[in-house]
C-alpha atoms as a PDB file:
ATOM      1  CA  MET A   1      18.592 -37.905 -19.711  1.00  0.00           C
ATOM      2  CA  THR A   2      21.969 -36.683 -20.874  1.00  0.00           C
ATOM      3  CA  SER A   3      23.953 -34.660 -19.156  1.00  0.00           C
ATOM      4  CA  PRO A   4      23.433 -33.131 -15.710  1.00  0.00           C
ATOM      5  CA  LEU A   5      22.359 -29.280 -15.418  1.00  0.00           C
ATOM      6  CA  ASN A   6      24.713 -26.686 -14.934  1.00  0.00           C
ATOM      7  CA  ASP A   7      25.262 -24.575 -11.825  1.00  0.00           C
ATOM      8  CA  ALA A   8      23.446 -22.044 -12.683  1.00  0.00           C
ATOM      9  CA  SER A   9      20.209 -24.113 -12.860  1.00  0.00           C
ATOM     10  CA  LEU A  10      20.425 -25.795 -10.433  1.00  0.00           C
ATOM     11  CA  ASP A  11      20.559 -22.188  -8.567  1.00  0.00           C
ATOM     12  CA  GLN A  12      17.798 -21.312 -10.362  1.00  0.00           C
ATOM     13  CA  LEU A  13      15.717 -23.924  -9.603  1.00  0.00           C
ATOM     14  CA  PHE A  14      16.901 -24.817  -6.195  1.00  0.00           C
ATOM     15  CA  LEU A  15      20.148 -23.040  -4.280  1.00  0.00           C
ATOM     16  CA  THR A  16      19.390 -19.065  -5.208  1.00  0.00           C
ATOM     17  CA  ALA A  17      15.554 -19.382  -5.520  1.00  0.00           C
ATOM     18  CA  ARG A  18      13.549 -18.145  -2.500  1.00  0.00           C
ATOM     19  CA  THR A  19      10.031 -17.608  -1.233  1.00  0.00           C
ATOM     20  CA  TYR A  20       9.132 -14.054  -2.139  1.00  0.00           C
ATOM     21  CA  ASN A  21       6.717 -11.975  -0.313  1.00  0.00           C
ATOM     22  CA  ALA A  22       6.735  -9.390  -2.313  1.00  0.00           C
ATOM     23  CA  TRP A  23       6.734  -8.802  -6.047  1.00  0.00           C
ATOM     24  CA  LEU A  24       7.558  -6.310  -9.290  1.00  0.00           C
ATOM     25  CA  PRO A  25       4.947  -4.689 -10.913  1.00  0.00           C
ATOM     26  CA  LYS A  26       6.025  -6.941 -14.153  1.00  0.00           C
ATOM     27  CA  ASP A  27       3.295  -8.973 -15.683  1.00  0.00           C
ATOM     28  CA  VAL A  28       3.012 -12.453 -16.515  1.00  0.00           C
ATOM     29  CA  THR A  29       1.345 -13.351 -19.686  1.00  0.00           C
ATOM     30  CA  ASP A  30      -1.188 -15.962 -20.023  1.00  0.00           C
ATOM     31  CA  GLU A  31       1.446 -17.961 -22.527  1.00  0.00           C
ATOM     32  CA  GLN A  32       3.696 -18.176 -19.362  1.00  0.00           C
ATOM     33  CA  ILE A  33       1.155 -19.658 -17.333  1.00  0.00           C
ATOM     34  CA  ARG A  34       0.084 -22.111 -19.862  1.00  0.00           C
ATOM     35  CA  ARG A  35       4.097 -23.214 -20.502  1.00  0.00           C
ATOM     36  CA  ILE A  36       4.084 -23.657 -16.558  1.00  0.00           C
ATOM     37  CA  TYR A  37       0.978 -26.399 -16.800  1.00  0.00           C
ATOM     38  CA  ASP A  38       2.538 -27.969 -19.549  1.00  0.00           C
ATOM     39  CA  LEU A  39       5.883 -28.669 -18.381  1.00  0.00           C
ATOM     40  CA  ALA A  40       4.255 -29.528 -14.810  1.00  0.00           C
ATOM     41  CA  LYS A  41       1.735 -31.891 -16.073  1.00  0.00           C
ATOM     42  CA  PHE A  42       4.478 -34.091 -17.166  1.00  0.00           C
ATOM     43  CA  GLY A  43       5.615 -34.723 -13.924  1.00  0.00           C
ATOM     44  CA  PRO A  44       5.247 -38.652 -12.926  1.00  0.00           C
ATOM     45  CA  THR A  45       2.434 -39.365 -11.031  1.00  0.00           C
ATOM     46  CA  ALA A  46       0.915 -42.709 -10.067  1.00  0.00           C
ATOM     47  CA  ALA A  47      -0.869 -44.727 -13.120  1.00  0.00           C
ATOM     48  CA  ASN A  48      -0.701 -41.104 -14.195  1.00  0.00           C
ATOM     49  CA  SER A  49      -3.602 -39.885 -11.889  1.00  0.00           C
ATOM     50  CA  SER A  50      -2.693 -36.505 -12.491  1.00  0.00           C
ATOM     51  CA  PRO A  51      -5.556 -34.940  -9.882  1.00  0.00           C
ATOM     52  CA  MET A  52      -3.796 -31.255  -9.442  1.00  0.00           C
ATOM     53  CA  ARG A  53      -6.527 -29.032 -10.979  1.00  0.00           C
ATOM     54  CA  VAL A  54      -5.089 -25.393 -10.928  1.00  0.00           C
ATOM     55  CA  VAL A  55      -6.969 -22.055 -11.100  1.00  0.00           C
ATOM     56  CA  PHE A  56      -4.868 -18.791 -11.886  1.00  0.00           C
ATOM     57  CA  VAL A  57      -6.375 -15.969 -10.830  1.00  0.00           C
ATOM     58  CA  LYS A  58      -4.876 -13.033 -12.208  1.00  0.00           C
ATOM     59  CA  SER A  59      -7.627 -10.826 -13.296  1.00  0.00           C
ATOM     60  CA  GLN A  60      -8.843  -7.839 -10.067  1.00  0.00           C
ATOM     61  CA  ASP A  61     -11.846  -9.484 -10.457  1.00  0.00           C
ATOM     62  CA  GLY A  62     -10.549 -12.940  -9.708  1.00  0.00           C
ATOM     63  CA  LYS A  63      -8.245 -11.691  -7.014  1.00  0.00           C
ATOM     64  CA  LYS A  64     -11.570  -9.656  -5.487  1.00  0.00           C
ATOM     65  CA  ARG A  65     -13.307 -13.348  -4.823  1.00  0.00           C
ATOM     66  CA  LEU A  66     -10.073 -15.112  -3.428  1.00  0.00           C
ATOM     67  CA  GLU A  67      -8.981 -11.673  -1.016  1.00  0.00           C
ATOM     68  CA  PRO A  68     -11.348 -12.002   2.088  1.00  0.00           C
ATOM     69  CA  TYR A  69     -10.462 -16.127   2.299  1.00  0.00           C
ATOM     70  CA  LEU A  70      -7.004 -14.913   3.036  1.00  0.00           C
ATOM     71  CA  SER A  71      -5.066 -14.704   6.257  1.00  0.00           C
ATOM     72  CA  GLU A  72      -3.936 -10.986   7.209  1.00  0.00           C
ATOM     73  CA  GLY A  73      -0.139 -11.577   6.788  1.00  0.00           C
ATOM     74  CA  ASN A  74      -0.599 -13.489   3.312  1.00  0.00           C
ATOM     75  CA  ARG A  75      -3.405 -11.071   2.004  1.00  0.00           C
ATOM     76  CA  GLU A  76      -1.483  -8.377   1.340  1.00  0.00           C
ATOM     77  CA  LYS A  77       1.953  -9.868  -0.975  1.00  0.00           C
ATOM     78  CA  THR A  78      -1.490 -12.058  -2.882  1.00  0.00           C
ATOM     79  CA  MET A  79      -3.061  -9.053  -3.731  1.00  0.00           C
ATOM     80  CA  GLN A  80       0.339  -7.488  -5.314  1.00  0.00           C
ATOM     81  CA  ALA A  81       1.646 -11.149  -6.847  1.00  0.00           C
ATOM     82  CA  PRO A  82       0.788 -11.075 -10.828  1.00  0.00           C
ATOM     83  CA  VAL A  83      -0.364 -14.416 -10.379  1.00  0.00           C
ATOM     84  CA  THR A  84      -2.187 -16.457  -7.678  1.00  0.00           C
ATOM     85  CA  ALA A  85      -2.434 -20.245  -8.493  1.00  0.00           C
ATOM     86  CA  ILE A  86      -4.797 -22.105  -6.385  1.00  0.00           C
ATOM     87  CA  VAL A  87      -3.374 -25.632  -6.473  1.00  0.00           C
ATOM     88  CA  ALA A  88      -6.066 -27.792  -5.826  1.00  0.00           C
ATOM     89  CA  THR A  89      -6.276 -31.600  -5.904  1.00  0.00           C
ATOM     90  CA  ASP A  90      -9.966 -33.355  -7.741  1.00  0.00           C
ATOM     91  CA  PHE A  91     -10.710 -36.099  -5.433  1.00  0.00           C
ATOM     92  CA  ALA A  92     -12.848 -37.456  -8.712  1.00  0.00           C
ATOM     93  CA  PHE A  93      -9.617 -38.092 -10.687  1.00  0.00           C
ATOM     94  CA  TYR A  94     -10.032 -41.690 -11.400  1.00  0.00           C
ATOM     95  CA  GLU A  95     -13.325 -40.757 -13.867  1.00  0.00           C
ATOM     96  CA  HIS A  96      -9.832 -40.137 -16.971  1.00  0.00           C
ATOM     97  CA  LEU A  97      -8.099 -43.058 -15.476  1.00  0.00           C
ATOM     98  CA  PRO A  98      -9.626 -44.653 -18.974  1.00  0.00           C
ATOM     99  CA  LYS A  99      -7.835 -41.520 -21.077  1.00  0.00           C
ATOM    100  CA  LEU A 100      -4.654 -41.457 -18.417  1.00  0.00           C
ATOM    101  CA  PHE A 101      -3.901 -44.815 -18.204  1.00  0.00           C
ATOM    102  CA  PRO A 102      -5.437 -46.588 -20.913  1.00  0.00           C
ATOM    103  CA  HIS A 103      -3.700 -50.039 -21.126  1.00  0.00           C
ATOM    104  CA  ALA A 104      -5.340 -50.752 -17.534  1.00  0.00           C
ATOM    105  CA  ASP A 105      -9.076 -51.111 -16.072  1.00  0.00           C
ATOM    106  CA  ALA A 106      -7.376 -48.472 -13.284  1.00  0.00           C
ATOM    107  CA  ARG A 107     -10.646 -46.875 -12.528  1.00  0.00           C
ATOM    108  CA  SER A 108     -11.809 -50.088 -11.133  1.00  0.00           C
ATOM    109  CA  TRP A 109      -8.888 -49.710  -8.916  1.00  0.00           C
ATOM    110  CA  PHE A 110     -10.222 -46.855  -7.466  1.00  0.00           C
ATOM    111  CA  ALA A 111     -14.267 -46.516  -7.540  1.00  0.00           C
ATOM    112  CA  GLY A 112     -15.482 -46.817  -4.035  1.00  0.00           C
ATOM    113  CA  ASN A 113     -12.554 -46.951  -2.237  1.00  0.00           C
ATOM    114  CA  ASN A 114     -12.521 -43.495  -0.637  1.00  0.00           C
ATOM    115  CA  ALA A 115      -9.815 -44.658   1.016  1.00  0.00           C
ATOM    116  CA  LEU A 116      -7.255 -45.492  -1.941  1.00  0.00           C
ATOM    117  CA  ILE A 117      -8.813 -42.350  -3.550  1.00  0.00           C
ATOM    118  CA  GLU A 118      -8.113 -40.230  -0.649  1.00  0.00           C
ATOM    119  CA  SER A 119      -4.375 -40.782  -0.127  1.00  0.00           C
ATOM    120  CA  THR A 120      -3.654 -40.801  -4.054  1.00  0.00           C
ATOM    121  CA  ALA A 121      -4.780 -37.663  -4.470  1.00  0.00           C
ATOM    122  CA  ASN A 122      -3.241 -35.990  -1.481  1.00  0.00           C
ATOM    123  CA  ARG A 123       0.045 -37.390  -2.830  1.00  0.00           C
ATOM    124  CA  ASN A 124       0.154 -37.409  -6.364  1.00  0.00           C
ATOM    125  CA  GLY A 125      -1.721 -33.645  -6.109  1.00  0.00           C
ATOM    126  CA  SER A 126       0.857 -32.359  -4.078  1.00  0.00           C
ATOM    127  CA  LEU A 127       3.484 -34.079  -6.174  1.00  0.00           C
ATOM    128  CA  GLN A 128       2.131 -31.852  -8.890  1.00  0.00           C
ATOM    129  CA  GLY A 129       1.785 -28.524  -7.007  1.00  0.00           C
ATOM    130  CA  ALA A 130       5.502 -29.092  -6.352  1.00  0.00           C
ATOM    131  CA  TYR A 131       6.103 -29.727  -9.705  1.00  0.00           C
ATOM    132  CA  LEU A 132       4.331 -26.479 -10.517  1.00  0.00           C
ATOM    133  CA  ILE A 133       6.993 -24.259  -8.782  1.00  0.00           C
ATOM    134  CA  MET A 134       9.828 -26.172 -10.285  1.00  0.00           C
ATOM    135  CA  ALA A 135       8.386 -25.213 -13.626  1.00  0.00           C
ATOM    136  CA  ALA A 136       7.455 -21.811 -12.458  1.00  0.00           C
ATOM    137  CA  ARG A 137      11.016 -21.310 -11.633  1.00  0.00           C
ATOM    138  CA  SER A 138      12.736 -23.222 -14.582  1.00  0.00           C
ATOM    139  CA  LEU A 139      11.137 -20.426 -17.076  1.00  0.00           C
ATOM    140  CA  GLY A 140      12.539 -17.355 -15.193  1.00  0.00           C
ATOM    141  CA  LEU A 141       9.769 -16.474 -12.472  1.00  0.00           C
ATOM    142  CA  ASP A 142       9.404 -16.320  -8.821  1.00  0.00           C
ATOM    143  CA  CYS A 143       6.999 -18.158  -6.552  1.00  0.00           C
ATOM    144  CA  GLY A 144       5.583 -17.885  -2.893  1.00  0.00           C
ATOM    145  CA  PRO A 145       3.640 -20.775  -2.224  1.00  0.00           C
ATOM    146  CA  MET A 146       1.362 -20.707   1.006  1.00  0.00           C
ATOM    147  CA  SER A 147      -1.137 -22.193   3.423  1.00  0.00           C
ATOM    148  CA  GLY A 148      -2.643 -19.443   5.012  1.00  0.00           C
ATOM    149  CA  PHE A 149      -6.517 -19.078   3.786  1.00  0.00           C
ATOM    150  CA  ASP A 150      -9.677 -20.652   4.109  1.00  0.00           C
ATOM    151  CA  GLN A 151      -9.801 -23.707   2.127  1.00  0.00           C
ATOM    152  CA  ALA A 152     -14.299 -24.384   2.958  1.00  0.00           C
ATOM    153  CA  GLY A 153     -14.326 -20.966   1.529  1.00  0.00           C
ATOM    154  CA  VAL A 154     -11.667 -21.130  -1.631  1.00  0.00           C
ATOM    155  CA  ASP A 155     -13.483 -24.091  -2.118  1.00  0.00           C
ATOM    156  CA  ALA A 156     -17.049 -23.124  -2.157  1.00  0.00           C
ATOM    157  CA  GLU A 157     -15.942 -19.643  -4.165  1.00  0.00           C
ATOM    158  CA  PHE A 158     -14.009 -21.566  -7.150  1.00  0.00           C
ATOM    159  CA  PHE A 159     -14.934 -25.360  -7.063  1.00  0.00           C
ATOM    160  CA  ALA A 160     -18.377 -25.121  -5.922  1.00  0.00           C
ATOM    161  CA  GLY A 161     -20.557 -29.036  -7.191  1.00  0.00           C
ATOM    162  CA  THR A 162     -17.310 -30.790  -7.854  1.00  0.00           C
ATOM    163  CA  GLN A 163     -15.309 -32.615  -5.850  1.00  0.00           C
ATOM    164  CA  ILE A 164     -12.073 -30.392  -6.244  1.00  0.00           C
ATOM    165  CA  LYS A 165     -10.499 -28.771  -3.027  1.00  0.00           C
ATOM    166  CA  SER A 166      -8.114 -26.744  -2.800  1.00  0.00           C
ATOM    167  CA  ASN A 167      -4.523 -27.781  -1.368  1.00  0.00           C
ATOM    168  CA  PHE A 168      -2.156 -24.791  -1.118  1.00  0.00           C
ATOM    169  CA  LEU A 169      -1.941 -21.512  -3.109  1.00  0.00           C
ATOM    170  CA  VAL A 170       1.634 -19.973  -5.042  1.00  0.00           C
ATOM    171  CA  ASN A 171       2.125 -16.422  -5.829  1.00  0.00           C
ATOM    172  CA  ILE A 172       3.307 -16.228  -8.908  1.00  0.00           C
ATOM    173  CA  GLY A 173       5.522 -13.479 -10.552  1.00  0.00           C
ATOM    174  CA  TYR A 174       8.894 -11.800 -10.705  1.00  0.00           C
ATOM    175  CA  GLY A 175      10.335 -11.338  -6.872  1.00  0.00           C
ATOM    176  CA  ASP A 176      11.386  -8.098  -5.234  1.00  0.00           C
ATOM    177  CA  ALA A 177      14.220  -9.173  -2.981  1.00  0.00           C
ATOM    178  CA  GLY A 178      14.493  -6.120  -1.430  1.00  0.00           C
ATOM    179  CA  THR A 179      11.045  -6.097   0.122  1.00  0.00           C
ATOM    180  CA  ASN A 180      10.155  -8.985   2.816  1.00  0.00           C
ATOM    181  CA  LEU A 181      12.762 -11.450   1.480  1.00  0.00           C
ATOM    182  CA  PHE A 182      13.526 -13.102   4.822  1.00  0.00           C
ATOM    183  CA  ALA A 183      17.371 -14.600   5.149  1.00  0.00           C
ATOM    184  CA  ARG A 184      17.155 -18.485   3.984  1.00  0.00           C
ATOM    185  CA  SER A 185      16.032 -20.503   7.227  1.00  0.00           C
ATOM    186  CA  PRO A 186      18.796 -23.433   7.674  1.00  0.00           C
ATOM    187  CA  ARG A 187      18.231 -26.779   6.510  1.00  0.00           C
ATOM    188  CA  LEU A 188      18.908 -30.493   7.675  1.00  0.00           C
ATOM    189  CA  SER A 189      21.780 -31.941   6.860  1.00  0.00           C
ATOM    190  CA  PHE A 190      21.669 -35.504   4.979  1.00  0.00           C
ATOM    191  CA  ASP A 191      22.997 -37.015   8.095  1.00  0.00           C
ATOM    192  CA  GLU A 192      19.713 -35.353  10.274  1.00  0.00           C
ATOM    193  CA  ALA A 193      17.133 -36.833   7.360  1.00  0.00           C
ATOM    194  CA  ALA A 194      18.621 -38.938   5.319  1.00  0.00           C
ATOM    195  CA  GLN A 195      20.290 -42.319   5.380  1.00  0.00           C
ATOM    196  CA  ILE A 196      21.498 -44.674   2.780  1.00  0.00           C
ATOM    197  CA  LEU A 197      21.356 -48.491   3.822  1.00  0.00           C
END
């Protein structure tokens, strides 16, 4: 790394970035969606395991498939969002390790070890979901990550016949700061949450 990001970049990624609940009627292009993934995929994961899988729901047909599984409080904002990413985790991720981690027999570390598969998949899939949010923000898009959906229903609808399971949803677009944007909630201070040893 050559130098720290400037304050404007830090604002965009962290300090003034918000979780949006309403969206401007502005399209997110397929090229932008591909760019989000192409940035997020480079975030680090254990043994380059890369267990995140994403369905970017953009079409009206896709939205209609997703809608029945949304909680009431998440339905309207998700139907309004230009794109909703179903961030999911592939619990058969280790089958791709001969390609992703070719310098060791990493597949053998996981095959048959369900506890290690589960912990690795959950941890690294969630990390990648966070990278996806930061990638979208870095491209000038806003995000609204959320739980509040029927995971089993989404899995049956979008991932039937696989070992992929949904983790969380992220609405992506251009946030409407004038509608349903809550005041920023407090955060724990360094001394409340961290220490230096």
